[in-house]
Amino acid sequence: MIIGCVFLSILGGLIKSLSTSGMPVFEIVFLRNMAGLIALAPWFLKYGVSGLKTGRPGLFLVRGIFGFVSMVAWFYAVTVIPLAEAVALNFTAPIFGTLLAIVVLKEVVRFRRWMAILVGFVGAMIILRPGVIDMSTGAYAALLAAATMACSVTCVKMLSGTESTPSIVAWTQIIILPMSFIPAMLVWVTPSWDQLMLVAGMGLSATLGHLFFTRSFAVADATYVLPFDFFRLVFSAIIGALFFAQDPSIYVWVGASIIFASSVYIAMREARLSGATGNPKSVQNAKDAASKVGESQ
């Protein structure tokens, strides 16, 4: 999990570097998805087109749309606000996910989880400080990325009952790629060799980051590894300070700690309730959803 956090933090730094070098956000999103599809080449070689068979194309499309919006919003946020602040606001995704689970999956949420949700939003308000400072478009974008990522994860929960994880990932890339291609062509700027090196690094960091991130949930209990996800904020703050002269305020650290604590509590509570009911499918759904945290990167 910690190694995964390192690579995902580097990914954020590379996205910011590409933006400051003059590459439009839509072009960065397209190249990120192209790199992701190339990374899936071994899976396609092994399973071929048969691995993409599905009876739920509509839900895949919905998931792809949410994934695309989340990725665009996240990439934009990273380019206009400090990396640490963007990551801190991204921690609200599990909170949005719990609210969606109530509406879409008809899950019953009792008092303790409601309190965790409330505490999480208090943490977000500490970071944003509405009424004290003007909210930037980047902050709004980071929250939109978290909310739409939660929508995407909810779709994953629904799909995981009938579809394999590689198939879900492959379909997402296939759907998002043409969505990102059209707006990218409208703002396309021919990349320089230096930018292409950054793009290659972006693809490598994203692939390795998600590989280690997902693997952590496969080899250990989610409630054990999830707290280490906080290192994403630490590493992002270090990269922001070293390469972009960014110094996150005390409000970002305090608010992020509160949000993260509430998100970890929600995850632990869900795992405990799933274990109590003896429903292995619920446990697997929880692990699949947890492994998708940060997937908008």
C-alpha atoms as a PDB file:
ATOM      1  CA  MET A   1       0.000   0.000   0.000  1.00  0.00           C
ATOM      2  CA  ILE A   2       2.813   2.413   0.876  1.00  0.00           C
ATOM      3  CA  ILE A   3       4.665   1.659  -2.379  1.00  0.00           C
ATOM      4  CA  GLY A   4       1.397   2.148  -4.268  1.00  0.00           C
ATOM      5  CA  CYS A   5       0.955   5.520  -2.560  1.00  0.00           C
ATOM      6  CA  VAL A   6       4.443   6.542  -3.706  1.00  0.00           C
ATOM      7  CA  PHE A   7       3.652   5.801  -7.360  1.00  0.00           C
ATOM      8  CA  LEU A   8       0.200   7.440  -7.244  1.00  0.00           C
ATOM      9  CA  SER A   9       1.756  10.547  -5.685  1.00  0.00           C
ATOM     10  CA  ILE A  10       4.400  10.607  -8.426  1.00  0.00           C
ATOM     11  CA  LEU A  11       1.546  10.306 -10.938  1.00  0.00           C
ATOM     12  CA  GLY A  12      -0.035  13.452  -9.522  1.00  0.00           C
ATOM     13  CA  GLY A  13       3.269  15.273  -9.826  1.00  0.00           C
ATOM     14  CA  LEU A  14       3.688  14.165 -13.449  1.00  0.00           C
ATOM     15  CA  ILE A  15       0.156  15.332 -14.298  1.00  0.00           C
ATOM     16  CA  LYS A  16       0.958  18.743 -12.813  1.00  0.00           C
ATOM     17  CA  SER A  17       4.282  18.857 -14.694  1.00  0.00           C
ATOM     18  CA  LEU A  18       2.578  18.094 -18.008  1.00  0.00           C
ATOM     19  CA  SER A  19       0.026  20.816 -17.373  1.00  0.00           C
ATOM     20  CA  THR A  20       2.652  23.427 -16.492  1.00  0.00           C
ATOM     21  CA  SER A  21       4.563  22.450 -19.642  1.00  0.00           C
ATOM     22  CA  GLY A  22       1.559  23.526 -21.731  1.00  0.00           C
ATOM     23  CA  MET A  23      -0.301  20.264 -22.367  1.00  0.00           C
ATOM     24  CA  PRO A  24      -4.129  20.653 -22.081  1.00  0.00           C
ATOM     25  CA  VAL A  25      -5.936  18.603 -19.435  1.00  0.00           C
ATOM     26  CA  PHE A  26      -8.079  16.727 -21.974  1.00  0.00           C
ATOM     27  CA  GLU A  27      -4.950  15.653 -23.851  1.00  0.00           C
ATOM     28  CA  ILE A  28      -3.368  14.434 -20.600  1.00  0.00           C
ATOM     29  CA  VAL A  29      -6.514  12.423 -19.816  1.00  0.00           C
ATOM     30  CA  PHE A  30      -6.503  10.832 -23.279  1.00  0.00           C
ATOM     31  CA  LEU A  31      -2.825   9.879 -23.084  1.00  0.00           C
ATOM     32  CA  ARG A  32      -3.338   8.513 -19.567  1.00  0.00           C
ATOM     33  CA  ASN A  33      -6.101   6.216 -20.849  1.00  0.00           C
ATOM     34  CA  MET A  34      -4.078   5.212 -23.888  1.00  0.00           C
ATOM     35  CA  ALA A  35      -1.251   4.194 -21.550  1.00  0.00           C
ATOM     36  CA  GLY A  36      -3.735   2.284 -19.395  1.00  0.00           C
ATOM     37  CA  LEU A  37      -5.068   0.355 -22.377  1.00  0.00           C
ATOM     38  CA  ILE A  38      -1.543  -0.526 -23.493  1.00  0.00           C
ATOM     39  CA  ALA A  39      -0.852  -1.815 -19.972  1.00  0.00           C
ATOM     40  CA  LEU A  40      -3.746  -4.262 -20.423  1.00  0.00           C
ATOM     41  CA  ALA A  41      -2.164  -5.798 -23.553  1.00  0.00           C
ATOM     42  CA  PRO A  42      -0.990  -8.954 -21.701  1.00  0.00           C
ATOM     43  CA  TRP A  43      -4.542  -9.569 -20.477  1.00  0.00           C
ATOM     44  CA  PHE A  44      -5.941  -9.181 -24.019  1.00  0.00           C
ATOM     45  CA  LEU A  45      -3.291 -11.562 -25.361  1.00  0.00           C
ATOM     46  CA  LYS A  46      -4.255 -14.170 -22.776  1.00  0.00           C
ATOM     47  CA  TYR A  47      -8.049 -13.948 -22.942  1.00  0.00           C
ATOM     48  CA  GLY A  48      -8.726 -12.286 -26.297  1.00  0.00           C
ATOM     49  CA  VAL A  49     -12.094 -10.791 -27.161  1.00  0.00           C
ATOM     50  CA  SER A  50     -13.895 -13.587 -25.285  1.00  0.00           C
ATOM     51  CA  GLY A  51     -12.751 -12.009 -22.018  1.00  0.00           C
ATOM     52  CA  LEU A  52     -14.936  -8.990 -22.791  1.00  0.00           C
ATOM     53  CA  LYS A  53     -18.215 -10.910 -23.048  1.00  0.00           C
ATOM     54  CA  THR A  54     -20.853  -9.328 -20.824  1.00  0.00           C
ATOM     55  CA  GLY A  55     -24.587  -9.185 -20.409  1.00  0.00           C
ATOM     56  CA  ARG A  56     -24.505  -5.751 -18.745  1.00  0.00           C
ATOM     57  CA  PRO A  57     -23.232  -3.266 -21.363  1.00  0.00           C
ATOM     58  CA  GLY A  58     -25.497  -0.499 -20.068  1.00  0.00           C
ATOM     59  CA  LEU A  59     -24.013  -0.574 -16.579  1.00  0.00           C
ATOM     60  CA  PHE A  60     -20.513  -0.658 -18.055  1.00  0.00           C
ATOM     61  CA  LEU A  61     -21.363   2.473 -20.059  1.00  0.00           C
ATOM     62  CA  VAL A  62     -22.670   4.258 -16.957  1.00  0.00           C
ATOM     63  CA  ARG A  63     -19.542   3.281 -15.075  1.00  0.00           C
ATOM     64  CA  GLY A  64     -17.367   4.533 -17.939  1.00  0.00           C
ATOM     65  CA  ILE A  65     -19.133   7.901 -18.006  1.00  0.00           C
ATOM     66  CA  PHE A  66     -18.665   8.409 -14.278  1.00  0.00           C
ATOM     67  CA  GLY A  67     -15.037   7.288 -14.575  1.00  0.00           C
ATOM     68  CA  PHE A  68     -14.385   9.770 -17.382  1.00  0.00           C
ATOM     69  CA  VAL A  69     -15.923  12.712 -15.511  1.00  0.00           C
ATOM     70  CA  SER A  70     -14.038  11.747 -12.368  1.00  0.00           C
ATOM     71  CA  MET A  71     -10.725  11.545 -14.213  1.00  0.00           C
ATOM     72  CA  VAL A  72     -11.172  14.900 -15.976  1.00  0.00           C
ATOM     73  CA  ALA A  73     -12.198  16.590 -12.718  1.00  0.00           C
ATOM     74  CA  TRP A  74      -9.295  15.035 -10.801  1.00  0.00           C
ATOM     75  CA  PHE A  75      -6.686  15.933 -13.414  1.00  0.00           C
ATOM     76  CA  TYR A  76      -7.979  19.499 -13.556  1.00  0.00           C
ATOM     77  CA  ALA A  77      -7.916  19.795  -9.756  1.00  0.00           C
ATOM     78  CA  VAL A  78      -4.327  18.578  -9.600  1.00  0.00           C
ATOM     79  CA  THR A  79      -3.271  21.228 -12.132  1.00  0.00           C
ATOM     80  CA  VAL A  80      -4.805  24.227 -10.330  1.00  0.00           C
ATOM     81  CA  ILE A  81      -4.629  23.515  -6.575  1.00  0.00           C
ATOM     82  CA  PRO A  82      -1.843  22.087  -4.384  1.00  0.00           C
ATOM     83  CA  LEU A  83      -1.390  18.319  -4.706  1.00  0.00           C
ATOM     84  CA  ALA A  84      -1.911  17.762  -0.988  1.00  0.00           C
ATOM     85  CA  GLU A  85      -5.216  19.649  -0.998  1.00  0.00           C
ATOM     86  CA  ALA A  86      -6.489  17.687  -4.001  1.00  0.00           C
ATOM     87  CA  VAL A  87      -5.591  14.382  -2.317  1.00  0.00           C
ATOM     88  CA  ALA A  88      -7.155  15.501   0.967  1.00  0.00           C
ATOM     89  CA  LEU A  89     -10.478  16.271  -0.733  1.00  0.00           C
ATOM     90  CA  ASN A  90     -10.229  12.988  -2.658  1.00  0.00           C
ATOM     91  CA  PHE A  91     -10.461  11.181   0.692  1.00  0.00           C
ATOM     92  CA  THR A  92     -14.172  12.110   0.764  1.00  0.00           C
ATOM     93  CA  ALA A  93     -14.933   9.475  -1.906  1.00  0.00           C
ATOM     94  CA  PRO A  94     -15.837   6.692   0.606  1.00  0.00           C
ATOM     95  CA  ILE A  95     -18.219   9.115   2.319  1.00  0.00           C
ATOM     96  CA  PHE A  96     -20.007   9.853  -0.961  1.00  0.00           C
ATOM     97  CA  GLY A  97     -19.935   6.110  -1.629  1.00  0.00           C
ATOM     98  CA  THR A  98     -21.773   5.356   1.602  1.00  0.00           C
ATOM     99  CA  LEU A  99     -24.490   7.879   0.728  1.00  0.00           C
ATOM    100  CA  LEU A 100     -24.853   6.294  -2.710  1.00  0.00           C
ATOM    101  CA  ALA A 101     -25.052   2.825  -1.174  1.00  0.00           C
ATOM    102  CA  ILE A 102     -28.069   3.996   0.802  1.00  0.00           C
ATOM    103  CA  VAL A 103     -29.866   5.287  -2.298  1.00  0.00           C
ATOM    104  CA  VAL A 104     -28.760   2.814  -4.992  1.00  0.00           C
ATOM    105  CA  LEU A 105     -27.920  -0.401  -3.150  1.00  0.00           C
ATOM    106  CA  LYS A 106     -30.550   0.092  -0.417  1.00  0.00           C
ATOM    107  CA  GLU A 107     -27.993  -0.508   2.313  1.00  0.00           C
ATOM    108  CA  VAL A 108     -29.075   0.227   5.884  1.00  0.00           C
ATOM    109  CA  VAL A 109     -26.818   2.790   7.559  1.00  0.00           C
ATOM    110  CA  ARG A 110     -27.147   3.134  11.295  1.00  0.00           C
ATOM    111  CA  PHE A 111     -26.196   5.855  13.752  1.00  0.00           C
ATOM    112  CA  ARG A 112     -22.423   5.238  13.931  1.00  0.00           C
ATOM    113  CA  ARG A 113     -21.892   5.385  10.177  1.00  0.00           C
ATOM    114  CA  TRP A 114     -24.100   8.473   9.917  1.00  0.00           C
ATOM    115  CA  MET A 115     -21.895  10.136  12.528  1.00  0.00           C
ATOM    116  CA  ALA A 116     -18.782   9.109  10.571  1.00  0.00           C
ATOM    117  CA  ILE A 117     -20.271  10.692   7.438  1.00  0.00           C
ATOM    118  CA  LEU A 118     -21.040  13.897   9.351  1.00  0.00           C
ATOM    119  CA  VAL A 119     -17.524  14.016  10.808  1.00  0.00           C
ATOM    120  CA  GLY A 120     -16.047  13.501   7.337  1.00  0.00           C
ATOM    121  CA  PHE A 121     -17.927  16.462   5.933  1.00  0.00           C
ATOM    122  CA  VAL A 122     -16.805  18.584   8.879  1.00  0.00           C
ATOM    123  CA  GLY A 123     -13.243  17.714   7.858  1.00  0.00           C
ATOM    124  CA  ALA A 124     -13.979  18.848   4.306  1.00  0.00           C
ATOM    125  CA  MET A 125     -15.348  22.139   5.598  1.00  0.00           C
ATOM    126  CA  ILE A 126     -12.159  22.688   7.611  1.00  0.00           C
ATOM    127  CA  ILE A 127     -10.148  22.401   4.393  1.00  0.00           C
ATOM    128  CA  LEU A 128     -12.509  24.484   2.277  1.00  0.00           C
ATOM    129  CA  ARG A 129     -13.437  27.059   4.952  1.00  0.00           C
ATOM    130  CA  PRO A 130     -16.482  28.422   3.084  1.00  0.00           C
ATOM    131  CA  GLY A 131     -17.250  31.990   4.067  1.00  0.00           C
ATOM    132  CA  VAL A 132     -13.667  32.526   5.179  1.00  0.00           C
ATOM    133  CA  ILE A 133     -11.936  32.035   1.826  1.00  0.00           C
ATOM    134  CA  ASP A 134     -13.396  31.829  -1.660  1.00  0.00           C
ATOM    135  CA  MET A 135     -13.683  28.255  -2.926  1.00  0.00           C
ATOM    136  CA  SER A 136     -11.602  27.755  -6.051  1.00  0.00           C
ATOM    137  CA  THR A 137     -12.734  25.889  -9.144  1.00  0.00           C
ATOM    138  CA  GLY A 138     -10.022  23.357  -8.335  1.00  0.00           C
ATOM    139  CA  ALA A 139     -11.616  22.572  -4.956  1.00  0.00           C
ATOM    140  CA  TYR A 140     -15.007  22.115  -6.602  1.00  0.00           C
ATOM    141  CA  ALA A 141     -13.361  19.861  -9.200  1.00  0.00           C
ATOM    142  CA  ALA A 142     -11.688  17.735  -6.494  1.00  0.00           C
ATOM    143  CA  LEU A 143     -15.042  17.208  -4.769  1.00  0.00           C
ATOM    144  CA  LEU A 144     -16.691  16.388  -8.108  1.00  0.00           C
ATOM    145  CA  ALA A 145     -13.932  13.852  -8.768  1.00  0.00           C
ATOM    146  CA  ALA A 146     -14.546  12.230  -5.375  1.00  0.00           C
ATOM    147  CA  ALA A 147     -18.325  12.131  -5.855  1.00  0.00           C
ATOM    148  CA  THR A 148     -18.192  10.683  -9.367  1.00  0.00           C
ATOM    149  CA  MET A 149     -15.516   8.211  -8.304  1.00  0.00           C
ATOM    150  CA  ALA A 150     -17.942   7.037  -5.623  1.00  0.00           C
ATOM    151  CA  CYS A 151     -20.577   6.594  -8.352  1.00  0.00           C
ATOM    152  CA  SER A 152     -18.075   4.554 -10.359  1.00  0.00           C
ATOM    153  CA  VAL A 153     -17.240   2.365  -7.344  1.00  0.00           C
ATOM    154  CA  THR A 154     -20.954   1.794  -6.735  1.00  0.00           C
ATOM    155  CA  CYS A 155     -21.193   0.510 -10.316  1.00  0.00           C
ATOM    156  CA  VAL A 156     -18.230  -1.777  -9.590  1.00  0.00           C
ATOM    157  CA  LYS A 157     -20.065  -3.206  -6.586  1.00  0.00           C
ATOM    158  CA  MET A 158     -23.030  -3.984  -8.839  1.00  0.00           C
ATOM    159  CA  LEU A 159     -20.862  -5.434 -11.623  1.00  0.00           C
ATOM    160  CA  SER A 160     -18.645  -7.566  -9.382  1.00  0.00           C
ATOM    161  CA  GLY A 161     -21.465 -10.047  -8.866  1.00  0.00           C
ATOM    162  CA  THR A 162     -21.268 -11.223 -12.484  1.00  0.00           C
ATOM    163  CA  GLU A 163     -18.085  -9.784 -14.027  1.00  0.00           C
ATOM    164  CA  SER A 164     -14.386 -10.410 -13.395  1.00  0.00           C
ATOM    165  CA  THR A 165     -12.148  -7.597 -12.136  1.00  0.00           C
ATOM    166  CA  PRO A 166      -9.901  -7.611 -15.284  1.00  0.00           C
ATOM    167  CA  SER A 167     -13.007  -7.403 -17.473  1.00  0.00           C
ATOM    168  CA  ILE A 168     -14.324  -4.437 -15.481  1.00  0.00           C
ATOM    169  CA  VAL A 169     -10.985  -2.628 -15.809  1.00  0.00           C
ATOM    170  CA  ALA A 170     -10.675  -3.437 -19.531  1.00  0.00           C
ATOM    171  CA  TRP A 171     -14.185  -2.255 -20.378  1.00  0.00           C
ATOM    172  CA  THR A 172     -13.607   0.970 -18.447  1.00  0.00           C
ATOM    173  CA  GLN A 173     -10.512   1.786 -20.503  1.00  0.00           C
ATOM    174  CA  ILE A 174     -12.244   0.864 -23.776  1.00  0.00           C
ATOM    175  CA  ILE A 175     -15.219   3.117 -22.997  1.00  0.00           C
ATOM    176  CA  ILE A 176     -13.261   6.071 -21.626  1.00  0.00           C
ATOM    177  CA  LEU A 177     -10.693   6.157 -24.434  1.00  0.00           C
ATOM    178  CA  PRO A 178     -13.049   7.402 -27.209  1.00  0.00           C
ATOM    179  CA  MET A 179     -14.719   9.758 -24.710  1.00  0.00           C
ATOM    180  CA  SER A 180     -11.359  11.373 -24.009  1.00  0.00           C
ATOM    181  CA  PHE A 181     -10.226  11.272 -27.654  1.00  0.00           C
ATOM    182  CA  ILE A 182     -12.820  13.719 -28.996  1.00  0.00           C
ATOM    183  CA  PRO A 183     -12.173  16.639 -26.573  1.00  0.00           C
ATOM    184  CA  ALA A 184      -8.422  15.930 -26.735  1.00  0.00           C
ATOM    185  CA  MET A 185      -8.440  16.449 -30.504  1.00  0.00           C
ATOM    186  CA  LEU A 186     -10.107  19.853 -30.060  1.00  0.00           C
ATOM    187  CA  VAL A 187      -7.229  21.134 -27.942  1.00  0.00           C
ATOM    188  CA  TRP A 188      -4.411  18.889 -29.214  1.00  0.00           C
ATOM    189  CA  VAL A 189      -0.859  20.153 -28.914  1.00  0.00           C
ATOM    190  CA  THR A 190       1.858  17.966 -30.431  1.00  0.00           C
ATOM    191  CA  PRO A 191       3.909  16.689 -27.465  1.00  0.00           C
ATOM    192  CA  SER A 192       7.617  17.372 -27.284  1.00  0.00           C
ATOM    193  CA  TRP A 193      10.071  14.575 -26.495  1.00  0.00           C
ATOM    194  CA  ASP A 194      10.298  15.784 -22.903  1.00  0.00           C
ATOM    195  CA  GLN A 195       6.511  15.651 -22.599  1.00  0.00           C
ATOM    196  CA  LEU A 196       6.434  12.162 -24.089  1.00  0.00           C
ATOM    197  CA  MET A 197       8.902  11.057 -21.410  1.00  0.00           C
ATOM    198  CA  LEU A 198       6.556  12.472 -18.775  1.00  0.00           C
ATOM    199  CA  VAL A 199       3.629  10.646 -20.420  1.00  0.00           C
ATOM    200  CA  ALA A 200       5.585   7.379 -20.328  1.00  0.00           C
ATOM    201  CA  GLY A 201       6.338   7.998 -16.660  1.00  0.00           C
ATOM    202  CA  MET A 202       2.666   8.747 -16.063  1.00  0.00           C
ATOM    203  CA  GLY A 203       1.605   5.435 -17.595  1.00  0.00           C
ATOM    204  CA  LEU A 204       4.240   3.507 -15.645  1.00  0.00           C
ATOM    205  CA  SER A 205       3.393   5.227 -12.341  1.00  0.00           C
ATOM    206  CA  ALA A 206      -0.343   4.697 -12.801  1.00  0.00           C
ATOM    207  CA  THR A 207       0.080   1.012 -13.668  1.00  0.00           C
ATOM    208  CA  LEU A 208       2.486   0.251 -10.814  1.00  0.00           C
ATOM    209  CA  GLY A 209       0.523   2.380  -8.360  1.00  0.00           C
ATOM    210  CA  HIS A 210      -2.757   0.595  -8.998  1.00  0.00           C
ATOM    211  CA  LEU A 211      -1.003  -2.785  -9.123  1.00  0.00           C
ATOM    212  CA  PHE A 212       0.477  -2.366  -5.641  1.00  0.00           C
ATOM    213  CA  PHE A 213      -2.677  -0.653  -4.380  1.00  0.00           C
ATOM    214  CA  THR A 214      -4.961  -3.468  -5.500  1.00  0.00           C
ATOM    215  CA  ARG A 215      -2.504  -6.170  -4.481  1.00  0.00           C
ATOM    216  CA  SER A 216      -2.474  -4.863  -0.918  1.00  0.00           C
ATOM    217  CA  PHE A 217      -6.182  -5.672  -0.592  1.00  0.00           C
ATOM    218  CA  ALA A 218      -5.610  -9.135  -2.050  1.00  0.00           C
ATOM    219  CA  VAL A 219      -2.992 -10.179   0.496  1.00  0.00           C
ATOM    220  CA  ALA A 220      -4.271  -8.476   3.660  1.00  0.00           C
ATOM    221  CA  ASP A 221      -7.518  -7.404   5.256  1.00  0.00           C
ATOM    222  CA  ALA A 222      -8.835  -4.079   3.969  1.00  0.00           C
ATOM    223  CA  THR A 223      -9.190  -2.693   7.495  1.00  0.00           C
ATOM    224  CA  TYR A 224      -5.459  -3.298   8.034  1.00  0.00           C
ATOM    225  CA  VAL A 225      -4.058  -1.772   4.833  1.00  0.00           C
ATOM    226  CA  LEU A 226      -6.512   1.097   4.292  1.00  0.00           C
ATOM    227  CA  PRO A 227      -5.068   3.363   7.036  1.00  0.00           C
ATOM    228  CA  PHE A 228      -1.736   3.346   5.178  1.00  0.00           C
ATOM    229  CA  ASP A 229      -3.461   5.128   2.276  1.00  0.00           C
ATOM    230  CA  PHE A 230      -2.901   8.324   4.283  1.00  0.00           C
ATOM    231  CA  PHE A 231       0.690   8.211   2.999  1.00  0.00           C
ATOM    232  CA  ARG A 232      -0.723   9.463  -0.321  1.00  0.00           C
ATOM    233  CA  LEU A 233      -1.192  12.836   1.363  1.00  0.00           C
ATOM    234  CA  VAL A 234       2.283  12.763   2.923  1.00  0.00           C
ATOM    235  CA  PHE A 235       4.066  11.889  -0.327  1.00  0.00           C
ATOM    236  CA  SER A 236       1.955  14.347  -2.344  1.00  0.00           C
ATOM    237  CA  ALA A 237       2.844  17.122   0.097  1.00  0.00           C
ATOM    238  CA  ILE A 238       6.549  16.255  -0.226  1.00  0.00           C
ATOM    239  CA  ILE A 239       6.388  16.274  -4.047  1.00  0.00           C
ATOM    240  CA  GLY A 240       4.425  19.526  -4.012  1.00  0.00           C
ATOM    241  CA  ALA A 241       6.992  21.163  -1.741  1.00  0.00           C
ATOM    242  CA  LEU A 242      10.071  19.906  -3.595  1.00  0.00           C
ATOM    243  CA  PHE A 243       8.982  20.496  -7.192  1.00  0.00           C
ATOM    244  CA  PHE A 244       6.166  23.075  -7.126  1.00  0.00           C
ATOM    245  CA  ALA A 245       6.925  25.211  -4.035  1.00  0.00           C
ATOM    246  CA  GLN A 246       3.589  24.220  -2.496  1.00  0.00           C
ATOM    247  CA  ASP A 247       3.148  24.414   1.271  1.00  0.00           C
ATOM    248  CA  PRO A 248      -0.179  22.922   2.436  1.00  0.00           C
ATOM    249  CA  SER A 249      -1.773  24.856   5.290  1.00  0.00           C
ATOM    250  CA  ILE A 250      -2.475  23.413   8.731  1.00  0.00           C
ATOM    251  CA  TYR A 251      -6.171  23.366   7.753  1.00  0.00           C
ATOM    252  CA  VAL A 252      -5.432  20.822   4.991  1.00  0.00           C
ATOM    253  CA  TRP A 253      -3.621  18.502   7.419  1.00  0.00           C
ATOM    254  CA  VAL A 254      -6.272  18.767  10.134  1.00  0.00           C
ATOM    255  CA  GLY A 255      -9.193  18.433   7.734  1.00  0.00           C
ATOM    256  CA  ALA A 256      -7.578  15.551   5.853  1.00  0.00           C
ATOM    257  CA  SER A 257      -6.922  13.683   9.109  1.00  0.00           C
ATOM    258  CA  ILE A 258     -10.571  14.026  10.124  1.00  0.00           C
ATOM    259  CA  ILE A 259     -11.870  12.972   6.684  1.00  0.00           C
ATOM    260  CA  PHE A 260      -9.496  10.036   6.515  1.00  0.00           C
ATOM    261  CA  ALA A 261     -10.343   8.836  10.022  1.00  0.00           C
ATOM    262  CA  SER A 262     -14.061   8.868   9.193  1.00  0.00           C
ATOM    263  CA  SER A 263     -13.456   7.013   5.902  1.00  0.00           C
ATOM    264  CA  VAL A 264     -11.388   4.325   7.628  1.00  0.00           C
ATOM    265  CA  TYR A 265     -14.085   3.933  10.275  1.00  0.00           C
ATOM    266  CA  ILE A 266     -16.730   3.497   7.568  1.00  0.00           C
ATOM    267  CA  ALA A 267     -14.590   0.815   5.867  1.00  0.00           C
ATOM    268  CA  MET A 268     -13.984  -0.996   9.160  1.00  0.00           C
ATOM    269  CA  ARG A 269     -17.659  -0.843  10.035  1.00  0.00           C
ATOM    270  CA  GLU A 270     -18.677  -2.244   6.641  1.00  0.00           C
ATOM    271  CA  ALA A 271     -16.160  -5.078   6.962  1.00  0.00           C
ATOM    272  CA  ARG A 272     -17.341  -5.878  10.480  1.00  0.00           C
ATOM    273  CA  LEU A 273     -20.995  -5.951   9.443  1.00  0.00           C
ATOM    274  CA  SER A 274     -20.197  -8.095   6.389  1.00  0.00           C
ATOM    275  CA  GLY A 275     -18.301 -10.543   8.585  1.00  0.00           C
ATOM    276  CA  ALA A 276     -21.118 -10.646  11.101  1.00  0.00           C
ATOM    277  CA  THR A 277     -23.629 -11.623   8.431  1.00  0.00           C
ATOM    278  CA  GLY A 278     -21.256 -14.286   7.099  1.00  0.00           C
ATOM    279  CA  ASN A 279     -21.759 -13.025   3.550  1.00  0.00           C
ATOM    280  CA  PRO A 280     -18.512 -13.689   1.620  1.00  0.00           C
ATOM    281  CA  LYS A 281     -19.899 -11.910  -1.430  1.00  0.00           C
ATOM    282  CA  SER A 282     -20.380  -8.749   0.627  1.00  0.00           C
ATOM    283  CA  VAL A 283     -16.826  -8.994   1.857  1.00  0.00           C
ATOM    284  CA  GLN A 284     -15.563  -9.424  -1.709  1.00  0.00           C
ATOM    285  CA  ASN A 285     -17.637  -6.457  -2.886  1.00  0.00           C
ATOM    286  CA  ALA A 286     -16.144  -4.355  -0.105  1.00  0.00           C
ATOM    287  CA  LYS A 287     -12.610  -5.380  -1.110  1.00  0.00           C
ATOM    288  CA  ASP A 288     -13.314  -4.751  -4.805  1.00  0.00           C
ATOM    289  CA  ALA A 289     -14.668  -1.299  -3.986  1.00  0.00           C
ATOM    290  CA  ALA A 290     -11.785  -0.501  -1.653  1.00  0.00           C
ATOM    291  CA  SER A 291      -9.270  -1.503  -4.297  1.00  0.00           C
ATOM    292  CA  LYS A 292     -10.808   1.072  -6.657  1.00  0.00           C
ATOM    293  CA  VAL A 293     -10.185   3.996  -4.267  1.00  0.00           C
ATOM    294  CA  GLY A 294      -8.161   6.543  -6.228  1.00  0.00           C
ATOM    295  CA  GLU A 295      -9.001   4.929  -9.559  1.00  0.00           C
ATOM    296  CA  SER A 296      -9.669   8.364 -11.106  1.00  0.00           C
ATOM    297  CA  GLN A 297      -5.908   8.772 -11.130  1.00  0.00           C
END
